[in-house]
C-alpha atoms as a PDB file:
ATOM      1  CA  MET A   1     -13.771 137.589 174.374  1.00  0.00           C
ATOM      2  CA  ILE A   2     -13.050 135.282 171.431  1.00  0.00           C
ATOM      3  CA  ARG A   3     -14.260 137.903 168.969  1.00  0.00           C
ATOM      4  CA  HIS A   4     -11.704 140.393 170.345  1.00  0.00           C
ATOM      5  CA  TRP A   5      -8.975 137.808 169.850  1.00  0.00           C
ATOM      6  CA  LYS A   6     -10.068 137.172 166.251  1.00  0.00           C
ATOM      7  CA  LEU A   7     -10.240 140.899 165.470  1.00  0.00           C
ATOM      8  CA  THR A   8      -6.855 141.453 167.090  1.00  0.00           C
ATOM      9  CA  ALA A   9      -5.330 138.605 165.049  1.00  0.00           C
ATOM     10  CA  VAL A  10      -6.729 139.960 161.769  1.00  0.00           C
ATOM     11  CA  ILE A  11      -5.667 143.514 162.566  1.00  0.00           C
ATOM     12  CA  ALA A  12      -2.205 142.458 163.779  1.00  0.00           C
ATOM     13  CA  GLY A  13      -1.602 140.647 160.496  1.00  0.00           C
ATOM     14  CA  THR A  14      -2.738 143.646 158.507  1.00  0.00           C
ATOM     15  CA  LEU A  15      -0.673 145.991 160.672  1.00  0.00           C
ATOM     16  CA  THR A  16       2.418 143.843 160.138  1.00  0.00           C
ATOM     17  CA  LEU A  17       1.904 143.800 156.375  1.00  0.00           C
ATOM     18  CA  THR A  18       1.161 147.534 156.282  1.00  0.00           C
ATOM     19  CA  GLY A  19       4.255 148.340 158.334  1.00  0.00           C
ATOM     20  CA  LEU A  20       6.402 146.074 156.199  1.00  0.00           C
ATOM     21  CA  GLY A  21       5.056 147.660 153.010  1.00  0.00           C
ATOM     22  CA  VAL A  22       5.665 151.191 154.267  1.00  0.00           C
ATOM     23  CA  GLY A  23       9.140 150.267 155.482  1.00  0.00           C
ATOM     24  CA  LEU A  24      10.080 148.668 152.172  1.00  0.00           C
ATOM     25  CA  ALA A  25       8.684 151.575 150.163  1.00  0.00           C
ATOM     26  CA  VAL A  26      10.649 154.107 152.196  1.00  0.00           C
ATOM     27  CA  GLY A  27      13.805 151.996 152.290  1.00  0.00           C
ATOM     28  CA  LEU A  28      13.831 151.272 148.574  1.00  0.00           C
ATOM     29  CA  SER A  29      12.968 154.799 147.490  1.00  0.00           C
ATOM     30  CA  GLY A  30      16.047 156.342 149.070  1.00  0.00           C
ATOM     31  CA  ALA A  31      13.829 159.206 150.230  1.00  0.00           C
ATOM     32  CA  PRO A  32      13.687 160.338 153.841  1.00  0.00           C
ATOM     33  CA  ALA A  33      11.062 158.526 155.942  1.00  0.00           C
ATOM     34  CA  SER A  34       8.916 161.657 156.101  1.00  0.00           C
ATOM     35  CA  THR A  35       9.093 165.363 155.566  1.00  0.00           C
ATOM     36  CA  ALA A  36       8.668 167.748 158.453  1.00  0.00           C
ATOM     37  CA  ALA A  37       5.383 168.994 156.980  1.00  0.00           C
ATOM     38  CA  ALA A  38       3.905 165.510 156.595  1.00  0.00           C
ATOM     39  CA  THR A  39       4.971 164.546 160.098  1.00  0.00           C
ATOM     40  CA  ALA A  40       3.566 167.741 161.612  1.00  0.00           C
ATOM     41  CA  ALA A  41       0.268 167.322 159.772  1.00  0.00           C
ATOM     42  CA  SER A  42      -0.290 163.759 160.941  1.00  0.00           C
ATOM     43  CA  ALA A  43       1.395 163.971 164.366  1.00  0.00           C
ATOM     44  CA  ALA A  44      -1.440 166.041 165.782  1.00  0.00           C
ATOM     45  CA  PHE A  45      -4.397 164.290 167.393  1.00  0.00           C
ATOM     46  CA  PRO A  46      -7.139 166.914 167.418  1.00  0.00           C
ATOM     47  CA  PRO A  47      -9.807 166.692 170.139  1.00  0.00           C
ATOM     48  CA  LEU A  48     -12.532 166.342 167.481  1.00  0.00           C
ATOM     49  CA  GLN A  49     -10.848 163.213 166.095  1.00  0.00           C
ATOM     50  CA  GLN A  50     -10.430 161.858 169.614  1.00  0.00           C
ATOM     51  CA  MET A  51     -14.141 162.386 170.304  1.00  0.00           C
ATOM     52  CA  ARG A  52     -15.074 160.856 166.919  1.00  0.00           C
ATOM     53  CA  LEU A  53     -13.080 157.705 167.745  1.00  0.00           C
ATOM     54  CA  GLU A  54     -14.541 157.434 171.262  1.00  0.00           C
ATOM     55  CA  GLN A  55     -18.072 157.675 169.909  1.00  0.00           C
ATOM     56  CA  GLY A  56     -17.407 155.546 166.822  1.00  0.00           C
ATOM     57  CA  VAL A  57     -15.898 152.603 168.696  1.00  0.00           C
ATOM     58  CA  THR A  58     -18.934 152.437 171.000  1.00  0.00           C
ATOM     59  CA  ALA A  59     -21.568 153.165 168.326  1.00  0.00           C
ATOM     60  CA  PRO A  60     -24.728 151.016 168.450  1.00  0.00           C
ATOM     61  CA  THR A  61     -24.328 149.478 164.959  1.00  0.00           C
ATOM     62  CA  VAL A  62     -21.527 147.820 163.004  1.00  0.00           C
ATOM     63  CA  THR A  63     -22.100 150.269 160.121  1.00  0.00           C
ATOM     64  CA  GLN A  64     -21.545 153.247 162.433  1.00  0.00           C
ATOM     65  CA  GLU A  65     -18.465 151.645 163.996  1.00  0.00           C
ATOM     66  CA  ALA A  66     -17.048 150.918 160.540  1.00  0.00           C
ATOM     67  CA  SER A  67     -16.743 154.660 159.904  1.00  0.00           C
ATOM     68  CA  VAL A  68     -13.787 154.794 162.342  1.00  0.00           C
ATOM     69  CA  VAL A  69     -12.140 151.529 161.218  1.00  0.00           C
ATOM     70  CA  ALA A  70      -9.185 151.687 158.795  1.00  0.00           C
ATOM     71  CA  MET A  71      -9.919 150.929 155.144  1.00  0.00           C
ATOM     72  CA  GLU A  72      -7.437 148.011 155.214  1.00  0.00           C
ATOM     73  CA  VAL A  73      -9.629 146.056 157.629  1.00  0.00           C
ATOM     74  CA  ARG A  74     -13.054 147.670 157.184  1.00  0.00           C
ATOM     75  CA  SER A  75     -14.576 145.082 154.831  1.00  0.00           C
ATOM     76  CA  GLN A  76     -13.457 142.210 157.106  1.00  0.00           C
ATOM     77  CA  PHE A  77     -14.922 144.037 160.089  1.00  0.00           C
ATOM     78  CA  GLU A  78     -18.247 144.641 158.333  1.00  0.00           C
ATOM     79  CA  ARG A  79     -18.477 141.020 157.123  1.00  0.00           C
ATOM     80  CA  ARG A  80     -17.897 139.790 160.676  1.00  0.00           C
ATOM     81  CA  GLY A  81     -20.918 141.824 161.746  1.00  0.00           C
ATOM     82  CA  GLU A  82     -20.069 142.089 165.457  1.00  0.00           C
ATOM     83  CA  LEU A  83     -19.713 145.217 167.580  1.00  0.00           C
ATOM     84  CA  LEU A  84     -16.220 146.094 168.824  1.00  0.00           C
ATOM     85  CA  LEU A  85     -17.461 146.424 172.417  1.00  0.00           C
ATOM     86  CA  PRO A  86     -20.601 145.228 174.180  1.00  0.00           C
ATOM     87  CA  VAL A  87     -23.607 147.550 174.260  1.00  0.00           C
ATOM     88  CA  GLY A  88     -23.346 149.874 177.252  1.00  0.00           C
ATOM     89  CA  SER A  89     -19.571 150.344 176.952  1.00  0.00           C
ATOM     90  CA  HIS A  90     -17.948 153.751 177.185  1.00  0.00           C
ATOM     91  CA  MET A  91     -14.459 154.545 175.905  1.00  0.00           C
ATOM     92  CA  SER A  92     -12.251 157.400 177.114  1.00  0.00           C
ATOM     93  CA  ILE A  93      -9.114 158.094 175.087  1.00  0.00           C
ATOM     94  CA  ASP A  94      -6.168 159.685 176.905  1.00  0.00           C
ATOM     95  CA  GLY A  95      -4.940 162.199 174.317  1.00  0.00           C
ATOM     96  CA  ALA A  96      -1.775 162.806 176.356  1.00  0.00           C
ATOM     97  CA  THR A  97      -0.604 159.262 175.472  1.00  0.00           C
ATOM     98  CA  PHE A  98      -0.816 159.869 171.702  1.00  0.00           C
ATOM     99  CA  HIS A  99       2.453 158.776 170.110  1.00  0.00           C
ATOM    100  CA  SER A 100       3.118 159.131 166.389  1.00  0.00           C
ATOM    101  CA  VAL A 101       5.200 156.142 165.266  1.00  0.00           C
ATOM    102  CA  SER A 102       5.467 157.519 161.719  1.00  0.00           C
ATOM    103  CA  ALA A 103       3.568 159.935 159.512  1.00  0.00           C
ATOM    104  CA  GLN A 104       0.937 157.218 158.998  1.00  0.00           C
ATOM    105  CA  LEU A 105       0.908 155.189 162.239  1.00  0.00           C
ATOM    106  CA  ALA A 106       0.299 156.149 165.870  1.00  0.00           C
ATOM    107  CA  THR A 107      -0.805 154.719 169.199  1.00  0.00           C
ATOM    108  CA  VAL A 108      -2.945 156.123 171.988  1.00  0.00           C
ATOM    109  CA  ASP A 109      -4.225 154.618 175.244  1.00  0.00           C
ATOM    110  CA  ALA A 110      -7.890 154.260 176.125  1.00  0.00           C
ATOM    111  CA  SER A 111      -9.978 153.090 179.079  1.00  0.00           C
ATOM    112  CA  VAL A 112     -13.205 151.164 178.630  1.00  0.00           C
ATOM    113  CA  ARG A 113     -15.984 151.170 181.224  1.00  0.00           C
ATOM    114  CA  GLY A 114     -19.000 148.904 181.078  1.00  0.00           C
ATOM    115  CA  PRO A 115     -19.612 145.165 180.693  1.00  0.00           C
ATOM    116  CA  GLN A 116     -15.968 144.413 179.779  1.00  0.00           C
ATOM    117  CA  PRO A 117     -13.828 147.130 181.393  1.00  0.00           C
ATOM    118  CA  GLY A 118     -10.137 147.435 180.680  1.00  0.00           C
ATOM    119  CA  ARG A 119      -7.270 149.506 179.353  1.00  0.00           C
ATOM    120  CA  TRP A 120      -6.294 149.311 175.703  1.00  0.00           C
ATOM    121  CA  GLN A 121      -3.759 150.782 173.355  1.00  0.00           C
ATOM    122  CA  LEU A 122      -5.330 151.778 170.057  1.00  0.00           C
ATOM    123  CA  VAL A 123      -3.227 151.425 166.918  1.00  0.00           C
ATOM    124  CA  LEU A 124      -4.208 154.185 164.506  1.00  0.00           C
ATOM    125  CA  ILE A 125      -3.517 154.845 160.843  1.00  0.00           C
ATOM    126  CA  HIS A 126      -3.726 158.268 159.222  1.00  0.00           C
ATOM    127  CA  GLU A 127      -5.980 158.074 156.159  1.00  0.00           C
ATOM    128  CA  ALA A 128      -7.722 160.835 154.241  1.00  0.00           C
ATOM    129  CA  GLY A 129      -6.760 163.435 156.846  1.00  0.00           C
ATOM    130  CA  GLN A 130      -8.031 161.531 159.870  1.00  0.00           C
ATOM    131  CA  TRP A 131      -6.886 158.912 162.358  1.00  0.00           C
ATOM    132  CA  LEU A 132      -8.711 155.580 162.006  1.00  0.00           C
ATOM    133  CA  LEU A 133      -8.604 152.435 164.133  1.00  0.00           C
ATOM    134  CA  LEU A 134      -6.305 149.765 162.729  1.00  0.00           C
ATOM    135  CA  GLY A 135      -5.985 147.549 165.794  1.00  0.00           C
ATOM    136  CA  THR A 136      -5.856 147.243 169.557  1.00  0.00           C
ATOM    137  CA  ARG A 137      -3.576 145.876 172.251  1.00  0.00           C
ATOM    138  CA  LYS A 138      -4.844 144.920 175.706  1.00  0.00           C
ATOM    139  CA  LEU A 139      -2.976 146.830 178.441  1.00  0.00           C
ATOM    140  CA  SER A 140      -4.818 145.482 181.489  1.00  0.00           C
END
């Protein structure tokens, strides 16, 4: 449980800094926050990406899990060397809860079954044409 708290703290700090940086860049540029094309391209949450995240978060090795973790926090995650969830966990993402906060950030709810069951909100960032895990929030 402590490792989830540490990961959440690291990711929350990164998320805050990322959001602040994006907000400042948009605000200072005088340009609109996003174009309709950019928003449409990143607002979608294709089933293949959903499945990739579900499988990646519960992968058996840290290296495999790292493939679905955002670049901003990936090296910290790999150095920590601990799995996101205990072995035997299964994650189901509810694609209907996907909410694009901006062209780069979104949230989606997920349920975890296994040794530490619960409901989580995943914070996602759109990088290189795919949604990657930036952080989590415990829902229940």
